[in-house]
PDB file of all heavy atoms in Angstrom:
ATOM      1  N   ASP A   1     -58.900 -19.169  38.756  1.00  0.00           N
ATOM      2  CA  ASP A   1     -58.325 -17.895  38.314  1.00  0.00           C
ATOM      3  C   ASP A   1     -58.085 -17.067  39.585  1.00  0.00           C
ATOM      4  O   ASP A   1     -58.845 -16.173  39.930  1.00  0.00           O
ATOM      5  CB  ASP A   1     -59.279 -17.175  37.358  1.00  0.00           C
ATOM      6  CG  ASP A   1     -58.642 -15.949  36.742  1.00  0.00           C
ATOM      7  OD1 ASP A   1     -57.506 -15.598  37.125  1.00  0.00           O
ATOM      8  OD2 ASP A   1     -59.283 -15.328  35.877  1.00  0.00           O
ATOM      9  N   TYR A   2     -57.006 -17.404  40.267  1.00  0.00           N
ATOM     10  CA  TYR A   2     -56.745 -16.823  41.578  1.00  0.00           C
ATOM     11  C   TYR A   2     -56.394 -15.339  41.502  1.00  0.00           C
ATOM     12  O   TYR A   2     -56.719 -14.584  42.415  1.00  0.00           O
ATOM     13  CB  TYR A   2     -55.630 -17.602  42.283  1.00  0.00           C
ATOM     14  CG  TYR A   2     -56.001 -19.054  42.471  1.00  0.00           C
ATOM     15  CD1 TYR A   2     -55.313 -20.062  41.809  1.00  0.00           C
ATOM     16  CD2 TYR A   2     -57.062 -19.414  43.299  1.00  0.00           C
ATOM     17  CE1 TYR A   2     -55.663 -21.394  41.980  1.00  0.00           C
ATOM     18  CE2 TYR A   2     -57.418 -20.742  43.472  1.00  0.00           C
ATOM     19  CZ  TYR A   2     -56.716 -21.723  42.805  1.00  0.00           C
ATOM     20  OH  TYR A   2     -57.077 -23.037  42.962  1.00  0.00           O
ATOM     21  N   ASP A   3     -55.732 -14.909  40.431  1.00  0.00           N
ATOM     22  CA  ASP A   3     -55.377 -13.490  40.296  1.00  0.00           C
ATOM     23  C   ASP A   3     -56.627 -12.614  40.265  1.00  0.00           C
ATOM     24  O   ASP A   3     -56.710 -11.605  40.963  1.00  0.00           O
ATOM     25  CB  ASP A   3     -54.541 -13.252  39.036  1.00  0.00           C
ATOM     26  CG  ASP A   3     -53.166 -13.899  39.127  1.00  0.00           C
ATOM     27  OD1 ASP A   3     -52.703 -14.125  40.265  1.00  0.00           O
ATOM     28  OD2 ASP A   3     -52.565 -14.168  38.072  1.00  0.00           O
ATOM     29  N   ALA A   4     -57.600 -13.001  39.449  1.00  0.00           N
ATOM     30  CA  ALA A   4     -58.847 -12.229  39.364  1.00  0.00           C
ATOM     31  C   ALA A   4     -59.600 -12.291  40.691  1.00  0.00           C
ATOM     32  O   ALA A   4     -60.177 -11.294  41.130  1.00  0.00           O
ATOM     33  CB  ALA A   4     -59.724 -12.755  38.229  1.00  0.00           C
ATOM     34  N   GLY A   5     -59.597 -13.444  41.334  1.00  0.00           N
ATOM     35  CA  GLY A   5     -60.270 -13.590  42.616  1.00  0.00           C
ATOM     36  C   GLY A   5     -59.669 -12.699  43.690  1.00  0.00           C
ATOM     37  O   GLY A   5     -60.386 -12.079  44.482  1.00  0.00           O
ATOM     38  N   ILE A   6     -58.340 -12.577  43.694  1.00  0.00           N
ATOM     39  CA  ILE A   6     -57.675 -11.740  44.695  1.00  0.00           C
ATOM     40  C   ILE A   6     -57.958 -10.265  44.437  1.00  0.00           C
ATOM     41  O   ILE A   6     -58.184  -9.494  45.380  1.00  0.00           O
ATOM     42  CB  ILE A   6     -56.168 -12.051  44.731  1.00  0.00           C
ATOM     43  CG1 ILE A   6     -55.977 -13.431  45.355  1.00  0.00           C
ATOM     44  CG2 ILE A   6     -55.402 -10.985  45.506  1.00  0.00           C
ATOM     45  CD1 ILE A   6     -54.582 -13.972  45.297  1.00  0.00           C
ATOM     46  N   VAL A   7     -57.977  -9.850  43.171  1.00  0.00           N
ATOM     47  CA  VAL A   7     -58.326  -8.455  42.856  1.00  0.00           C
ATOM     48  C   VAL A   7     -59.735  -8.146  43.354  1.00  0.00           C
ATOM     49  O   VAL A   7     -59.993  -7.091  43.937  1.00  0.00           O
ATOM     50  CB  VAL A   7     -58.199  -8.192  41.337  1.00  0.00           C
ATOM     51  CG1 VAL A   7     -58.813  -6.862  40.957  1.00  0.00           C
ATOM     52  CG2 VAL A   7     -56.743  -8.247  40.908  1.00  0.00           C
ATOM     53  N   LEU A   8     -60.655  -9.072  43.151  1.00  0.00           N
ATOM     54  CA  LEU A   8     -62.020  -8.868  43.632  1.00  0.00           C
ATOM     55  C   LEU A   8     -62.096  -8.882  45.159  1.00  0.00           C
ATOM     56  O   LEU A   8     -62.955  -8.217  45.733  1.00  0.00           O
ATOM     57  CB  LEU A   8     -62.960  -9.927  43.050  1.00  0.00           C
ATOM     58  CG  LEU A   8     -63.375  -9.707  41.607  1.00  0.00           C
ATOM     59  CD1 LEU A   8     -64.286 -10.834  41.141  1.00  0.00           C
ATOM     60  CD2 LEU A   8     -64.072  -8.379  41.436  1.00  0.00           C
ATOM     61  N   LEU A   9     -61.203  -9.601  45.810  1.00  0.00           N
ATOM     62  CA  LEU A   9     -61.176  -9.576  47.274  1.00  0.00           C
ATOM     63  C   LEU A   9     -60.803  -8.185  47.785  1.00  0.00           C
ATOM     64  O   LEU A   9     -61.366  -7.703  48.769  1.00  0.00           O
ATOM     65  CB  LEU A   9     -60.181 -10.608  47.815  1.00  0.00           C
ATOM     66  CG  LEU A   9     -60.674 -12.050  47.864  1.00  0.00           C
ATOM     67  CD1 LEU A   9     -59.538 -12.990  48.266  1.00  0.00           C
ATOM     68  CD2 LEU A   9     -61.837 -12.191  48.828  1.00  0.00           C
ATOM     69  N   TYR A  10     -59.862  -7.517  47.100  1.00  0.00           N
ATOM     70  CA  TYR A  10     -59.515  -6.140  47.487  1.00  0.00           C
ATOM     71  C   TYR A  10     -60.720  -5.224  47.301  1.00  0.00           C
ATOM     72  O   TYR A  10     -61.023  -4.395  48.155  1.00  0.00           O
ATOM     73  CB  TYR A  10     -58.337  -5.624  46.654  1.00  0.00           C
ATOM     74  CG  TYR A  10     -57.024  -6.286  46.974  1.00  0.00           C
ATOM     75  CD1 TYR A  10     -56.216  -6.782  45.961  1.00  0.00           C
ATOM     76  CD2 TYR A  10     -56.574  -6.405  48.289  1.00  0.00           C
ATOM     77  CE1 TYR A  10     -55.004  -7.382  46.240  1.00  0.00           C
ATOM     78  CE2 TYR A  10     -55.367  -7.007  48.577  1.00  0.00           C
ATOM     79  CZ  TYR A  10     -54.576  -7.497  47.546  1.00  0.00           C
ATOM     80  OH  TYR A  10     -53.385  -8.087  47.835  1.00  0.00           O
ATOM     81  N   SER A  11     -61.390  -5.372  46.185  1.00  0.00           N
ATOM     82  CA  SER A  11     -62.585  -4.570  45.922  1.00  0.00           C
ATOM     83  C   SER A  11     -63.668  -4.857  46.971  1.00  0.00           C
ATOM     84  O   SER A  11     -64.337  -3.943  47.451  1.00  0.00           O
ATOM     85  CB  SER A  11     -63.105  -4.872  44.514  1.00  0.00           C
ATOM     86  OG  SER A  11     -64.331  -4.265  44.282  1.00  0.00           O
ATOM     87  N   LEU A  12     -63.810  -6.117  47.337  1.00  0.00           N
ATOM     88  CA  LEU A  12     -64.788  -6.508  48.353  1.00  0.00           C
ATOM     89  C   LEU A  12     -64.454  -5.875  49.708  1.00  0.00           C
ATOM     90  O   LEU A  12     -65.355  -5.443  50.434  1.00  0.00           O
ATOM     91  CB  LEU A  12     -64.844  -8.034  48.482  1.00  0.00           C
ATOM     92  CG  LEU A  12     -65.853  -8.603  49.464  1.00  0.00           C
ATOM     93  CD1 LEU A  12     -67.280  -8.295  49.001  1.00  0.00           C
ATOM     94  CD2 LEU A  12     -65.664 -10.100  49.616  1.00  0.00           C
ATOM     95  N   ALA A  13     -63.176  -5.791  50.027  1.00  0.00           N
ATOM     96  CA  ALA A  13     -62.766  -5.158  51.290  1.00  0.00           C
ATOM     97  C   ALA A  13     -63.173  -3.686  51.313  1.00  0.00           C
ATOM     98  O   ALA A  13     -63.689  -3.193  52.324  1.00  0.00           O
ATOM     99  CB  ALA A  13     -61.258  -5.307  51.479  1.00  0.00           C
ATOM    100  N   VAL A  14     -62.981  -2.979  50.211  1.00  0.00           N
ATOM    101  CA  VAL A  14     -63.361  -1.562  50.148  1.00  0.00           C
ATOM    102  C   VAL A  14     -64.880  -1.420  50.252  1.00  0.00           C
ATOM    103  O   VAL A  14     -65.381  -0.559  50.986  1.00  0.00           O
ATOM    104  CB  VAL A  14     -62.834  -0.905  48.850  1.00  0.00           C
ATOM    105  CG1 VAL A  14     -63.376   0.506  48.685  1.00  0.00           C
ATOM    106  CG2 VAL A  14     -61.320  -0.898  48.834  1.00  0.00           C
ATOM    107  N   LYS A  15     -65.620  -2.269  49.547  1.00  0.00           N
ATOM    108  CA  LYS A  15     -67.089  -2.212  49.608  1.00  0.00           C
ATOM    109  C   LYS A  15     -67.592  -2.458  51.026  1.00  0.00           C
ATOM    110  O   LYS A  15     -68.499  -1.770  51.507  1.00  0.00           O
ATOM    111  CB  LYS A  15     -67.700  -3.255  48.666  1.00  0.00           C
ATOM    112  CG  LYS A  15     -67.446  -3.002  47.203  1.00  0.00           C
ATOM    113  CD  LYS A  15     -67.876  -4.201  46.376  1.00  0.00           C
ATOM    114  CE  LYS A  15     -67.359  -4.125  44.974  1.00  0.00           C
ATOM    115  NZ  LYS A  15     -67.598  -5.369  44.231  1.00  0.00           N
ATOM    116  N   THR A  16     -66.999  -3.441  51.699  1.00  0.00           N
ATOM    117  CA  THR A  16     -67.407  -3.773  53.062  1.00  0.00           C
ATOM    118  C   THR A  16     -67.068  -2.628  54.020  1.00  0.00           C
ATOM    119  O   THR A  16     -67.876  -2.277  54.880  1.00  0.00           O
ATOM    120  CB  THR A  16     -66.731  -5.080  53.520  1.00  0.00           C
ATOM    121  OG1 THR A  16     -67.034  -6.099  52.564  1.00  0.00           O
ATOM    122  CG2 THR A  16     -67.214  -5.512  54.886  1.00  0.00           C
ATOM    123  N   LEU A  17     -65.894  -2.046  53.853  1.00  0.00           N
ATOM    124  CA  LEU A  17     -65.511  -0.900  54.675  1.00  0.00           C
ATOM    125  C   LEU A  17     -66.507   0.248  54.498  1.00  0.00           C
ATOM    126  O   LEU A  17     -66.951   0.852  55.463  1.00  0.00           O
ATOM    127  CB  LEU A  17     -64.099  -0.439  54.301  1.00  0.00           C
ATOM    128  CG  LEU A  17     -63.599   0.814  54.997  1.00  0.00           C
ATOM    129  CD1 LEU A  17     -63.357   0.538  56.472  1.00  0.00           C
ATOM    130  CD2 LEU A  17     -62.341   1.329  54.332  1.00  0.00           C
ATOM    131  N   LEU A  18     -66.876   0.523  53.252  1.00  0.00           N
ATOM    132  CA  LEU A  18     -67.848   1.583  52.992  1.00  0.00           C
ATOM    133  C   LEU A  18     -69.211   1.261  53.593  1.00  0.00           C
ATOM    134  O   LEU A  18     -69.894   2.137  54.113  1.00  0.00           O
ATOM    135  CB  LEU A  18     -67.977   1.832  51.487  1.00  0.00           C
ATOM    136  CG  LEU A  18     -66.791   2.519  50.818  1.00  0.00           C
ATOM    137  CD1 LEU A  18     -66.991   2.567  49.307  1.00  0.00           C
ATOM    138  CD2 LEU A  18     -66.580   3.906  51.364  1.00  0.00           C
ATOM    139  N   LEU A  19     -69.616  -0.001  53.530  1.00  0.00           N
ATOM    140  CA  LEU A  19     -70.914  -0.391  54.082  1.00  0.00           C
ATOM    141  C   LEU A  19     -70.961  -0.168  55.593  1.00  0.00           C
ATOM    142  O   LEU A  19     -71.951   0.334  56.119  1.00  0.00           O
ATOM    143  CB  LEU A  19     -71.215  -1.853  53.753  1.00  0.00           C
ATOM    144  CG  LEU A  19     -72.545  -2.387  54.279  1.00  0.00           C
ATOM    145  CD1 LEU A  19     -73.714  -1.656  53.629  1.00  0.00           C
ATOM    146  CD2 LEU A  19     -72.653  -3.876  54.033  1.00  0.00           C
ATOM    147  N   PHE A  20     -69.886  -0.525  56.283  1.00  0.00           N
ATOM    148  CA  PHE A  20     -69.883  -0.413  57.740  1.00  0.00           C
ATOM    149  C   PHE A  20     -69.601   1.001  58.245  1.00  0.00           C
ATOM    150  O   PHE A  20     -69.732   1.265  59.433  1.00  0.00           O
ATOM    151  CB  PHE A  20     -68.910  -1.412  58.362  1.00  0.00           C
ATOM    152  CG  PHE A  20     -69.442  -2.819  58.322  1.00  0.00           C
ATOM    153  CD1 PHE A  20     -68.855  -3.766  57.509  1.00  0.00           C
ATOM    154  CD2 PHE A  20     -70.549  -3.177  59.074  1.00  0.00           C
ATOM    155  CE1 PHE A  20     -69.355  -5.052  57.452  1.00  0.00           C
ATOM    156  CE2 PHE A  20     -71.055  -4.461  59.029  1.00  0.00           C
ATOM    157  CZ  PHE A  20     -70.458  -5.408  58.216  1.00  0.00           C
ATOM    158  N   THR A  21     -69.217   1.903  57.344  1.00  0.00           N
ATOM    159  CA  THR A  21     -68.983   3.294  57.744  1.00  0.00           C
ATOM    160  C   THR A  21     -69.926   4.234  57.000  1.00  0.00           C
ATOM    161  O   THR A  21     -69.614   5.404  56.804  1.00  0.00           O
ATOM    162  CB  THR A  21     -67.520   3.695  57.470  1.00  0.00           C
ATOM    163  OG1 THR A  21     -67.223   3.496  56.089  1.00  0.00           O
ATOM    164  CG2 THR A  21     -66.559   2.901  58.339  1.00  0.00           C
ATOM    165  N   VAL A  22     -71.094   3.744  56.600  1.00  0.00           N
ATOM    166  CA  VAL A  22     -72.029   4.521  55.787  1.00  0.00           C
ATOM    167  C   VAL A  22     -72.555   5.759  56.517  1.00  0.00           C
ATOM    168  O   VAL A  22     -73.055   6.680  55.884  1.00  0.00           O
ATOM    169  CB  VAL A  22     -73.173   3.620  55.255  1.00  0.00           C
ATOM    170  CG1 VAL A  22     -74.207   3.354  56.324  1.00  0.00           C
ATOM    171  CG2 VAL A  22     -73.808   4.203  54.013  1.00  0.00           C
ATOM    172  N   LYS A  23     -72.373   5.833  57.821  1.00  0.00           N
ATOM    173  CA  LYS A  23     -72.834   7.015  58.556  1.00  0.00           C
ATOM    174  C   LYS A  23     -72.068   8.272  58.139  1.00  0.00           C
ATOM    175  O   LYS A  23     -72.518   9.384  58.371  1.00  0.00           O
ATOM    176  CB  LYS A  23     -72.708   6.806  60.061  1.00  0.00           C
ATOM    177  CG  LYS A  23     -71.296   6.778  60.580  1.00  0.00           C
ATOM    178  CD  LYS A  23     -71.266   6.616  62.076  1.00  0.00           C
ATOM    179  CE  LYS A  23     -69.829   6.686  62.579  1.00  0.00           C
ATOM    180  NZ  LYS A  23     -69.779   6.633  64.017  1.00  0.00           N
ATOM    181  N   TYR A  24     -70.914   8.108  57.488  1.00  0.00           N
ATOM    182  CA  TYR A  24     -70.133   9.253  57.014  1.00  0.00           C
ATOM    183  C   TYR A  24     -70.545   9.689  55.608  1.00  0.00           C
ATOM    184  O   TYR A  24     -69.896  10.530  55.004  1.00  0.00           O
ATOM    185  CB  TYR A  24     -68.639   8.921  57.025  1.00  0.00           C
ATOM    186  CG  TYR A  24     -68.110   8.691  58.410  1.00  0.00           C
ATOM    187  CD1 TYR A  24     -67.717   7.429  58.827  1.00  0.00           C
ATOM    188  CD2 TYR A  24     -68.011   9.741  59.312  1.00  0.00           C
ATOM    189  CE1 TYR A  24     -67.239   7.217  60.111  1.00  0.00           C
ATOM    190  CE2 TYR A  24     -67.535   9.540  60.599  1.00  0.00           C
ATOM    191  CZ  TYR A  24     -67.150   8.278  60.987  1.00  0.00           C
ATOM    192  OH  TYR A  24     -66.682   8.081  62.250  1.00  0.00           O
ATOM    193  N   ASN A  25     -71.629   9.159  55.091  1.00  0.00           N
ATOM    194  CA  ASN A  25     -72.070   9.414  53.715  1.00  0.00           C
ATOM    195  C   ASN A  25     -72.886  10.705  53.627  1.00  0.00           C
ATOM    196  O   ASN A  25     -73.993  10.725  53.101  1.00  0.00           O
ATOM    197  CB  ASN A  25     -72.879   8.210  53.219  1.00  0.00           C
ATOM    198  CG  ASN A  25     -73.099   8.240  51.739  1.00  0.00           C
ATOM    199  OD1 ASN A  25     -72.288   8.755  50.989  1.00  0.00           O
ATOM    200  ND2 ASN A  25     -74.202   7.674  51.296  1.00  0.00           N
ATOM    201  N   ARG A  26     -72.364  11.794  54.135  1.00  0.00           N
ATOM    202  CA  ARG A  26     -73.098  13.069  54.145  1.00  0.00           C
ATOM    203  C   ARG A  26     -73.098  13.766  52.789  1.00  0.00           C
ATOM    204  O   ARG A  26     -74.030  14.481  52.469  1.00  0.00           O
ATOM    205  CB  ARG A  26     -72.505  14.010  55.184  1.00  0.00           C
ATOM    206  CG  ARG A  26     -72.935  13.695  56.589  1.00  0.00           C
ATOM    207  CD  ARG A  26     -72.306  14.651  57.561  1.00  0.00           C
ATOM    208  NE  ARG A  26     -72.523  16.038  57.212  1.00  0.00           N
ATOM    209  CZ  ARG A  26     -73.375  16.853  57.822  1.00  0.00           C
ATOM    210  NH1 ARG A  26     -74.108  16.392  58.805  1.00  0.00           N
ATOM    211  NH2 ARG A  26     -73.487  18.109  57.463  1.00  0.00           N
ATOM    212  N   ILE A  27     -72.045  13.607  52.020  1.00  0.00           N
ATOM    213  CA  ILE A  27     -71.954  14.284  50.722  1.00  0.00           C
ATOM    214  C   ILE A  27     -72.478  13.303  49.671  1.00  0.00           C
ATOM    215  O   ILE A  27     -71.726  12.642  48.968  1.00  0.00           O
ATOM    216  CB  ILE A  27     -70.507  14.723  50.430  1.00  0.00           C
ATOM    217  CG1 ILE A  27     -69.989  15.596  51.563  1.00  0.00           C
ATOM    218  CG2 ILE A  27     -70.431  15.453  49.097  1.00  0.00           C
ATOM    219  CD1 ILE A  27     -68.524  15.950  51.476  1.00  0.00           C
ATOM    220  N   SER A  28     -73.808  13.197  49.602  1.00  0.00           N
ATOM    221  CA  SER A  28     -74.420  12.192  48.736  1.00  0.00           C
ATOM    222  C   SER A  28     -75.867  12.561  48.443  1.00  0.00           C
ATOM    223  O   SER A  28     -76.446  13.421  49.106  1.00  0.00           O
ATOM    224  CB  SER A  28     -74.385  10.826  49.429  1.00  0.00           C
ATOM    225  OG  SER A  28     -75.205  10.833  50.565  1.00  0.00           O
ATOM    226  N   ALA A  29     -76.424  11.870  47.468  1.00  0.00           N
ATOM    227  CA  ALA A  29     -77.844  12.059  47.156  1.00  0.00           C
ATOM    228  C   ALA A  29     -78.716  11.543  48.300  1.00  0.00           C
ATOM    229  O   ALA A  29     -79.778  12.100  48.573  1.00  0.00           O
ATOM    230  CB  ALA A  29     -78.190  11.343  45.852  1.00  0.00           C
ATOM    231  N   ASP A  30     -78.273  10.491  48.991  1.00  0.00           N
ATOM    232  CA  ASP A  30     -79.025   9.974  50.138  1.00  0.00           C
ATOM    233  C   ASP A  30     -79.226  11.050  51.190  1.00  0.00           C
ATOM    234  O   ASP A  30     -80.340  11.260  51.677  1.00  0.00           O
ATOM    235  CB  ASP A  30     -78.273   8.810  50.814  1.00  0.00           C
ATOM    236  CG  ASP A  30     -78.379   7.521  50.047  1.00  0.00           C
ATOM    237  OD1 ASP A  30     -79.266   7.405  49.193  1.00  0.00           O
ATOM    238  OD2 ASP A  30     -77.566   6.621  50.328  1.00  0.00           O
ATOM    239  N   TYR A  31     -78.157  11.699  51.560  1.00  0.00           N
ATOM    240  CA  TYR A  31     -78.222  12.711  52.615  1.00  0.00           C
ATOM    241  C   TYR A  31     -79.110  13.866  52.180  1.00  0.00           C
ATOM    242  O   TYR A  31     -79.915  14.371  52.964  1.00  0.00           O
ATOM    243  CB  TYR A  31     -76.817  13.210  52.956  1.00  0.00           C
ATOM    244  CG  TYR A  31     -76.797  14.126  54.152  1.00  0.00           C
ATOM    245  CD1 TYR A  31     -77.024  13.621  55.427  1.00  0.00           C
ATOM    246  CD2 TYR A  31     -76.567  15.487  54.009  1.00  0.00           C
ATOM    247  CE1 TYR A  31     -77.014  14.445  56.536  1.00  0.00           C
ATOM    248  CE2 TYR A  31     -76.551  16.317  55.114  1.00  0.00           C
ATOM    249  CZ  TYR A  31     -76.772  15.797  56.373  1.00  0.00           C
ATOM    250  OH  TYR A  31     -76.772  16.619  57.464  1.00  0.00           O
ATOM    251  N   ARG A  32     -79.002  14.271  50.936  1.00  0.00           N
ATOM    252  CA  ARG A  32     -79.838  15.362  50.415  1.00  0.00           C
ATOM    253  C   ARG A  32     -81.313  14.965  50.444  1.00  0.00           C
ATOM    254  O   ARG A  32     -82.172  15.755  50.818  1.00  0.00           O
ATOM    255  CB  ARG A  32     -79.398  15.727  48.994  1.00  0.00           C
ATOM    256  CG  ARG A  32     -80.164  16.840  48.388  1.00  0.00           C
ATOM    257  CD  ARG A  32     -79.834  18.162  49.060  1.00  0.00           C
ATOM    258  NE  ARG A  32     -80.633  19.203  48.437  1.00  0.00           N
ATOM    259  CZ  ARG A  32     -81.218  20.174  49.089  1.00  0.00           C
ATOM    260  NH1 ARG A  32     -81.062  20.286  50.389  1.00  0.00           N
ATOM    261  NH2 ARG A  32     -81.940  21.053  48.462  1.00  0.00           N
ATOM    262  N   ASN A  33     -81.627  13.737  50.060  1.00  0.00           N
ATOM    263  CA  ASN A  33     -83.014  13.260  50.096  1.00  0.00           C
ATOM    264  C   ASN A  33     -83.558  13.248  51.517  1.00  0.00           C
ATOM    265  O   ASN A  33     -84.722  13.585  51.749  1.00  0.00           O
ATOM    266  CB  ASN A  33     -83.122  11.859  49.496  1.00  0.00           C
ATOM    267  CG  ASN A  33     -82.972  11.863  48.003  1.00  0.00           C
ATOM    268  OD1 ASN A  33     -83.141  12.880  47.348  1.00  0.00           O
ATOM    269  ND2 ASN A  33     -82.610  10.719  47.434  1.00  0.00           N
TER     270      ASN A  33
END
């Protein structure tokens, strides 16, 4: 099911980008804690 796999690859790219730039996560419950 390549269509579903490719959609998840886009989602994976966004998740990975967020993981590697987590230092910008100031507006969050983490930062408040």
